[in-house]
């Protein structure tokens, strides 16, 4: 028994020594491609900030770029190790897990997708004064799942993005201007020039 166990350990050791160079090469390739994804996405993020004002679009494209290279690094490393079949099993398992997680976190996924739709439809921008479902204020922050507006009395209201997709949104400053309406009274014999001065 002791001899067979020793032989098994010896066989495992020699097999490990045999695949070690390939394993080391696969890990090195994975780190290189993943590193390109990480540092490249940071550089691209800085460039996008100069070209695109909407932060949601910046986050979306940066994450797509980064995770695409992460996935490419994983596929390449598994292919080098001869484990292409394992990748198919991982993708199948991930698909099933994604369905289960999707049902469990339906609201979060809904708000995330709504944030992407808001980014591309652009019904408002940072600084615009909007009203949705009786909430009115200036847009302070736009994220992938929520939008923050500040009311006239200084309150910050965090709205889920799905709410902005499902409800009518009134943008008071779409063109950079906002009209105010007010009423005042003057005596009937008041001269026109004086009324004009009061209005101004």
C-alpha atoms as a PDB file:
ATOM      1  CA  UNK A   1       0.000   0.000   0.000  1.00  0.00           C
ATOM      2  CA  UNK A   2       2.798   2.376   0.993  1.00  0.00           C
ATOM      3  CA  UNK A   3       4.681   1.561  -2.171  1.00  0.00           C
ATOM      4  CA  UNK A   4       1.687   2.181  -4.435  1.00  0.00           C
ATOM      5  CA  UNK A   5       0.970   5.489  -2.684  1.00  0.00           C
ATOM      6  CA  UNK A   6       4.586   6.522  -3.117  1.00  0.00           C
ATOM      7  CA  UNK A   7       4.426   5.585  -6.795  1.00  0.00           C
ATOM      8  CA  UNK A   8       1.260   7.656  -7.205  1.00  0.00           C
ATOM      9  CA  UNK A   9       2.908  10.706  -5.664  1.00  0.00           C
ATOM     10  CA  UNK A  10       5.977  10.207  -7.823  1.00  0.00           C
ATOM     11  CA  UNK A  11       3.871   9.934 -10.963  1.00  0.00           C
ATOM     12  CA  UNK A  12       1.934  13.080 -10.012  1.00  0.00           C
ATOM     13  CA  UNK A  13       5.197  14.915  -9.329  1.00  0.00           C
ATOM     14  CA  UNK A  14       6.695  14.044 -12.712  1.00  0.00           C
ATOM     15  CA  UNK A  15       3.453  14.964 -14.479  1.00  0.00           C
ATOM     16  CA  UNK A  16       3.445  18.302 -12.691  1.00  0.00           C
ATOM     17  CA  UNK A  17       7.052  18.929 -13.690  1.00  0.00           C
ATOM     18  CA  UNK A  18       6.127  18.050 -17.273  1.00  0.00           C
ATOM     19  CA  UNK A  19       3.229  20.509 -17.528  1.00  0.00           C
ATOM     20  CA  UNK A  20       4.836  23.242 -15.431  1.00  0.00           C
ATOM     21  CA  UNK A  21       6.384  25.126 -18.405  1.00  0.00           C
ATOM     22  CA  UNK A  22       3.035  25.072 -20.248  1.00  0.00           C
ATOM     23  CA  UNK A  23       1.188  26.162 -17.096  1.00  0.00           C
ATOM     24  CA  UNK A  24       3.676  28.968 -16.494  1.00  0.00           C
ATOM     25  CA  UNK A  25       3.325  30.127 -20.112  1.00  0.00           C
ATOM     26  CA  UNK A  26      -0.493  30.067 -19.880  1.00  0.00           C
ATOM     27  CA  UNK A  27      -0.459  32.103 -16.656  1.00  0.00           C
ATOM     28  CA  UNK A  28       1.986  34.585 -18.210  1.00  0.00           C
ATOM     29  CA  UNK A  29      -0.189  35.046 -21.300  1.00  0.00           C
ATOM     30  CA  UNK A  30      -3.284  35.464 -19.104  1.00  0.00           C
ATOM     31  CA  UNK A  31      -1.588  38.161 -17.007  1.00  0.00           C
ATOM     32  CA  UNK A  32      -0.334  40.006 -20.090  1.00  0.00           C
ATOM     33  CA  UNK A  33      -3.731  40.137 -21.826  1.00  0.00           C
ATOM     34  CA  UNK A  34      -5.588  40.912 -18.579  1.00  0.00           C
ATOM     35  CA  UNK A  35      -3.035  43.645 -17.815  1.00  0.00           C
ATOM     36  CA  UNK A  36      -3.622  45.163 -21.247  1.00  0.00           C
ATOM     37  CA  UNK A  37      -7.363  45.099 -20.508  1.00  0.00           C
ATOM     38  CA  UNK A  38      -6.940  46.780 -17.115  1.00  0.00           C
ATOM     39  CA  UNK A  39      -4.448  49.505 -18.011  1.00  0.00           C
ATOM     40  CA  UNK A  40      -5.882  49.996 -21.509  1.00  0.00           C
ATOM     41  CA  UNK A  41      -9.359  50.575 -20.086  1.00  0.00           C
ATOM     42  CA  UNK A  42      -8.010  53.205 -17.683  1.00  0.00           C
ATOM     43  CA  UNK A  43      -6.291  55.059 -20.530  1.00  0.00           C
ATOM     44  CA  UNK A  44      -9.409  54.813 -22.684  1.00  0.00           C
ATOM     45  CA  UNK A  45     -11.545  56.044 -19.791  1.00  0.00           C
ATOM     46  CA  UNK A  46      -9.467  59.235 -19.553  1.00  0.00           C
ATOM     47  CA  UNK A  47      -9.844  59.815 -23.299  1.00  0.00           C
ATOM     48  CA  UNK A  48     -13.582  59.178 -23.258  1.00  0.00           C
ATOM     49  CA  UNK A  49     -14.039  61.766 -20.495  1.00  0.00           C
ATOM     50  CA  UNK A  50     -12.750  64.403 -22.926  1.00  0.00           C
ATOM     51  CA  UNK A  51     -15.017  63.293 -25.791  1.00  0.00           C
ATOM     52  CA  UNK A  52     -18.205  62.029 -24.099  1.00  0.00           C
ATOM     53  CA  UNK A  53     -20.007  64.014 -21.410  1.00  0.00           C
ATOM     54  CA  UNK A  54     -22.414  61.283 -20.289  1.00  0.00           C
ATOM     55  CA  UNK A  55     -20.749  59.196 -17.524  1.00  0.00           C
ATOM     56  CA  UNK A  56     -23.015  56.197 -18.180  1.00  0.00           C
ATOM     57  CA  UNK A  57     -21.714  55.825 -21.732  1.00  0.00           C
ATOM     58  CA  UNK A  58     -18.137  56.116 -20.466  1.00  0.00           C
ATOM     59  CA  UNK A  59     -18.662  53.362 -17.882  1.00  0.00           C
ATOM     60  CA  UNK A  60     -20.472  51.125 -20.395  1.00  0.00           C
ATOM     61  CA  UNK A  61     -17.786  51.223 -23.084  1.00  0.00           C
ATOM     62  CA  UNK A  62     -14.902  50.968 -20.617  1.00  0.00           C
ATOM     63  CA  UNK A  63     -16.430  47.894 -18.937  1.00  0.00           C
ATOM     64  CA  UNK A  64     -17.160  46.220 -22.286  1.00  0.00           C
ATOM     65  CA  UNK A  65     -13.555  46.740 -23.366  1.00  0.00           C
ATOM     66  CA  UNK A  66     -12.104  45.551 -20.062  1.00  0.00           C
ATOM     67  CA  UNK A  67     -14.234  42.404 -19.686  1.00  0.00           C
ATOM     68  CA  UNK A  68     -13.792  41.460 -23.337  1.00  0.00           C
ATOM     69  CA  UNK A  69     -10.026  41.309 -22.819  1.00  0.00           C
ATOM     70  CA  UNK A  70     -10.438  39.462 -19.509  1.00  0.00           C
ATOM     71  CA  UNK A  71     -12.535  36.829 -21.282  1.00  0.00           C
ATOM     72  CA  UNK A  72     -10.035  36.677 -24.143  1.00  0.00           C
ATOM     73  CA  UNK A  73      -7.226  36.121 -21.623  1.00  0.00           C
ATOM     74  CA  UNK A  74      -9.136  33.251 -19.987  1.00  0.00           C
ATOM     75  CA  UNK A  75      -9.957  31.592 -23.321  1.00  0.00           C
ATOM     76  CA  UNK A  76      -6.341  31.862 -24.504  1.00  0.00           C
ATOM     77  CA  UNK A  77      -4.937  30.447 -21.254  1.00  0.00           C
ATOM     78  CA  UNK A  78      -7.343  27.481 -21.268  1.00  0.00           C
ATOM     79  CA  UNK A  79      -6.573  26.806 -24.927  1.00  0.00           C
ATOM     80  CA  UNK A  80      -2.828  26.740 -24.194  1.00  0.00           C
ATOM     81  CA  UNK A  81      -3.464  24.224 -21.411  1.00  0.00           C
ATOM     82  CA  UNK A  82      -5.607  22.096 -23.724  1.00  0.00           C
ATOM     83  CA  UNK A  83      -8.736  22.707 -21.657  1.00  0.00           C
ATOM     84  CA  UNK A  84     -10.978  24.070 -24.402  1.00  0.00           C
ATOM     85  CA  UNK A  85     -13.719  21.624 -23.377  1.00  0.00           C
ATOM     86  CA  UNK A  86     -13.710  23.040 -19.853  1.00  0.00           C
ATOM     87  CA  UNK A  87     -14.477  26.474 -21.305  1.00  0.00           C
ATOM     88  CA  UNK A  88     -17.659  25.149 -22.927  1.00  0.00           C
ATOM     89  CA  UNK A  89     -18.794  23.760 -19.582  1.00  0.00           C
ATOM     90  CA  UNK A  90     -18.035  27.065 -17.879  1.00  0.00           C
ATOM     91  CA  UNK A  91     -20.045  28.997 -20.475  1.00  0.00           C
ATOM     92  CA  UNK A  92     -23.001  26.611 -20.132  1.00  0.00           C
ATOM     93  CA  UNK A  93     -22.876  26.853 -16.345  1.00  0.00           C
ATOM     94  CA  UNK A  94     -22.560  30.633 -16.519  1.00  0.00           C
ATOM     95  CA  UNK A  95     -25.623  30.821 -18.782  1.00  0.00           C
ATOM     96  CA  UNK A  96     -27.747  28.878 -16.302  1.00  0.00           C
ATOM     97  CA  UNK A  97     -26.392  30.930 -13.403  1.00  0.00           C
ATOM     98  CA  UNK A  98     -27.133  34.151 -15.289  1.00  0.00           C
ATOM     99  CA  UNK A  99     -30.792  33.113 -15.689  1.00  0.00           C
ATOM    100  CA  UNK A 100     -31.130  32.303 -11.979  1.00  0.00           C
ATOM    101  CA  UNK A 101     -29.366  35.513 -10.917  1.00  0.00           C
ATOM    102  CA  UNK A 102     -31.459  37.482 -13.399  1.00  0.00           C
ATOM    103  CA  UNK A 103     -34.685  36.371 -11.720  1.00  0.00           C
ATOM    104  CA  UNK A 104     -33.236  36.991  -8.252  1.00  0.00           C
ATOM    105  CA  UNK A 105     -31.983  40.493  -9.072  1.00  0.00           C
ATOM    106  CA  UNK A 106     -34.643  41.510 -11.586  1.00  0.00           C
ATOM    107  CA  UNK A 107     -34.972  45.077 -10.309  1.00  0.00           C
ATOM    108  CA  UNK A 108     -31.205  45.665 -10.317  1.00  0.00           C
ATOM    109  CA  UNK A 109     -30.899  44.343 -13.880  1.00  0.00           C
ATOM    110  CA  UNK A 110     -33.887  46.436 -14.950  1.00  0.00           C
ATOM    111  CA  UNK A 111     -32.361  49.614 -13.537  1.00  0.00           C
ATOM    112  CA  UNK A 112     -28.992  48.816 -15.142  1.00  0.00           C
ATOM    113  CA  UNK A 113     -30.523  48.307 -18.599  1.00  0.00           C
ATOM    114  CA  UNK A 114     -32.602  51.450 -18.106  1.00  0.00           C
ATOM    115  CA  UNK A 115     -29.409  53.345 -17.358  1.00  0.00           C
ATOM    116  CA  UNK A 116     -27.906  52.159 -20.646  1.00  0.00           C
ATOM    117  CA  UNK A 117     -31.062  53.234 -22.518  1.00  0.00           C
ATOM    118  CA  UNK A 118     -30.926  56.654 -20.840  1.00  0.00           C
ATOM    119  CA  UNK A 119     -27.284  57.016 -21.843  1.00  0.00           C
ATOM    120  CA  UNK A 120     -28.018  56.510 -25.516  1.00  0.00           C
ATOM    121  CA  UNK A 121     -31.402  58.272 -25.702  1.00  0.00           C
ATOM    122  CA  UNK A 122     -30.120  61.274 -23.680  1.00  0.00           C
ATOM    123  CA  UNK A 123     -33.437  62.777 -22.511  1.00  0.00           C
ATOM    124  CA  UNK A 124     -31.446  65.004 -20.121  1.00  0.00           C
ATOM    125  CA  UNK A 125     -27.887  65.882 -19.155  1.00  0.00           C
ATOM    126  CA  UNK A 126     -26.056  66.877 -16.006  1.00  0.00           C
ATOM    127  CA  UNK A 127     -27.318  70.243 -14.809  1.00  0.00           C
ATOM    128  CA  UNK A 128     -30.736  70.005 -16.502  1.00  0.00           C
ATOM    129  CA  UNK A 129     -33.852  70.714 -14.447  1.00  0.00           C
ATOM    130  CA  UNK A 130     -36.259  67.796 -14.802  1.00  0.00           C
ATOM    131  CA  UNK A 131     -39.515  66.588 -13.301  1.00  0.00           C
ATOM    132  CA  UNK A 132     -40.600  62.948 -13.071  1.00  0.00           C
ATOM    133  CA  UNK A 133     -43.468  61.547 -11.013  1.00  0.00           C
ATOM    134  CA  UNK A 134     -43.852  64.781  -8.962  1.00  0.00           C
ATOM    135  CA  UNK A 135     -40.098  64.913  -8.233  1.00  0.00           C
ATOM    136  CA  UNK A 136     -38.479  68.054  -9.601  1.00  0.00           C
ATOM    137  CA  UNK A 137     -34.869  69.172  -9.384  1.00  0.00           C
ATOM    138  CA  UNK A 138     -31.516  69.631 -11.071  1.00  0.00           C
ATOM    139  CA  UNK A 139     -29.707  66.508 -12.294  1.00  0.00           C
ATOM    140  CA  UNK A 140     -26.603  66.092 -10.140  1.00  0.00           C
ATOM    141  CA  UNK A 141     -25.366  62.604 -10.969  1.00  0.00           C
ATOM    142  CA  UNK A 142     -26.141  59.855 -13.491  1.00  0.00           C
ATOM    143  CA  UNK A 143     -25.017  56.306 -12.763  1.00  0.00           C
ATOM    144  CA  UNK A 144     -25.721  52.929 -14.326  1.00  0.00           C
ATOM    145  CA  UNK A 145     -28.566  52.148 -11.871  1.00  0.00           C
ATOM    146  CA  UNK A 146     -29.644  55.466 -10.343  1.00  0.00           C
ATOM    147  CA  UNK A 147     -29.961  59.166 -11.110  1.00  0.00           C
ATOM    148  CA  UNK A 148     -29.645  61.836  -8.416  1.00  0.00           C
ATOM    149  CA  UNK A 149     -31.514  65.130  -8.612  1.00  0.00           C
ATOM    150  CA  UNK A 150     -31.347  68.048  -6.159  1.00  0.00           C
ATOM    151  CA  UNK A 151     -34.594  69.824  -5.378  1.00  0.00           C
ATOM    152  CA  UNK A 152     -34.976  73.579  -4.946  1.00  0.00           C
ATOM    153  CA  UNK A 153     -34.858  73.242  -1.146  1.00  0.00           C
ATOM    154  CA  UNK A 154     -31.538  71.339  -1.226  1.00  0.00           C
ATOM    155  CA  UNK A 155     -32.720  67.720  -0.937  1.00  0.00           C
ATOM    156  CA  UNK A 156     -30.937  65.018  -2.935  1.00  0.00           C
ATOM    157  CA  UNK A 157     -33.405  62.483  -4.365  1.00  0.00           C
ATOM    158  CA  UNK A 158     -32.019  59.217  -5.762  1.00  0.00           C
ATOM    159  CA  UNK A 159     -34.291  57.850  -8.477  1.00  0.00           C
ATOM    160  CA  UNK A 160     -33.987  54.337  -9.954  1.00  0.00           C
ATOM    161  CA  UNK A 161     -33.344  54.573 -13.692  1.00  0.00           C
ATOM    162  CA  UNK A 162     -36.274  52.267 -14.462  1.00  0.00           C
ATOM    163  CA  UNK A 163     -38.546  54.974 -13.035  1.00  0.00           C
ATOM    164  CA  UNK A 164     -37.173  57.468 -15.561  1.00  0.00           C
ATOM    165  CA  UNK A 165     -37.874  55.046 -18.414  1.00  0.00           C
ATOM    166  CA  UNK A 166     -41.418  54.091 -17.339  1.00  0.00           C
ATOM    167  CA  UNK A 167     -42.672  57.575 -16.435  1.00  0.00           C
ATOM    168  CA  UNK A 168     -42.930  60.789 -18.483  1.00  0.00           C
ATOM    169  CA  UNK A 169     -39.905  63.051 -17.938  1.00  0.00           C
ATOM    170  CA  UNK A 170     -40.268  66.823 -18.262  1.00  0.00           C
ATOM    171  CA  UNK A 171     -37.007  68.602 -19.115  1.00  0.00           C
ATOM    172  CA  UNK A 172     -37.354  72.328 -18.381  1.00  0.00           C
ATOM    173  CA  UNK A 173     -33.878  73.304 -19.639  1.00  0.00           C
ATOM    174  CA  UNK A 174     -33.365  71.145 -22.730  1.00  0.00           C
ATOM    175  CA  UNK A 175     -32.332  74.163 -24.821  1.00  0.00           C
ATOM    176  CA  UNK A 176     -30.531  75.928 -21.963  1.00  0.00           C
ATOM    177  CA  UNK A 177     -33.476  78.226 -21.216  1.00  0.00           C
ATOM    178  CA  UNK A 178     -36.313  78.065 -18.711  1.00  0.00           C
ATOM    179  CA  UNK A 179     -39.525  80.098 -18.754  1.00  0.00           C
ATOM    180  CA  UNK A 180     -41.038  81.350 -15.508  1.00  0.00           C
ATOM    181  CA  UNK A 181     -44.666  82.434 -15.306  1.00  0.00           C
ATOM    182  CA  UNK A 182     -45.948  84.818 -12.657  1.00  0.00           C
ATOM    183  CA  UNK A 183     -48.877  87.158 -12.026  1.00  0.00           C
ATOM    184  CA  UNK A 184     -48.897  90.684 -10.647  1.00  0.00           C
ATOM    185  CA  UNK A 185     -51.465  93.450 -10.508  1.00  0.00           C
ATOM    186  CA  UNK A 186     -51.387  97.174 -11.299  1.00  0.00           C
ATOM    187  CA  UNK A 187     -53.992  99.918 -11.186  1.00  0.00           C
ATOM    188  CA  UNK A 188     -55.943 100.475 -14.380  1.00  0.00           C
ATOM    189  CA  UNK A 189     -54.678 104.045 -15.037  1.00  0.00           C
ATOM    190  CA  UNK A 190     -50.999 102.996 -14.628  1.00  0.00           C
ATOM    191  CA  UNK A 191     -48.938 104.220 -17.647  1.00  0.00           C
ATOM    192  CA  UNK A 192     -47.625 101.535 -20.007  1.00  0.00           C
ATOM    193  CA  UNK A 193     -44.001 102.639 -19.491  1.00  0.00           C
ATOM    194  CA  UNK A 194     -44.354 102.156 -15.730  1.00  0.00           C
ATOM    195  CA  UNK A 195     -45.894  98.683 -16.193  1.00  0.00           C
ATOM    196  CA  UNK A 196     -42.997  97.748 -18.480  1.00  0.00           C
ATOM    197  CA  UNK A 197     -40.507  98.932 -15.863  1.00  0.00           C
ATOM    198  CA  UNK A 198     -42.216  96.848 -13.172  1.00  0.00           C
ATOM    199  CA  UNK A 199     -42.103  93.750 -15.391  1.00  0.00           C
ATOM    200  CA  UNK A 200     -38.402  94.227 -16.132  1.00  0.00           C
END
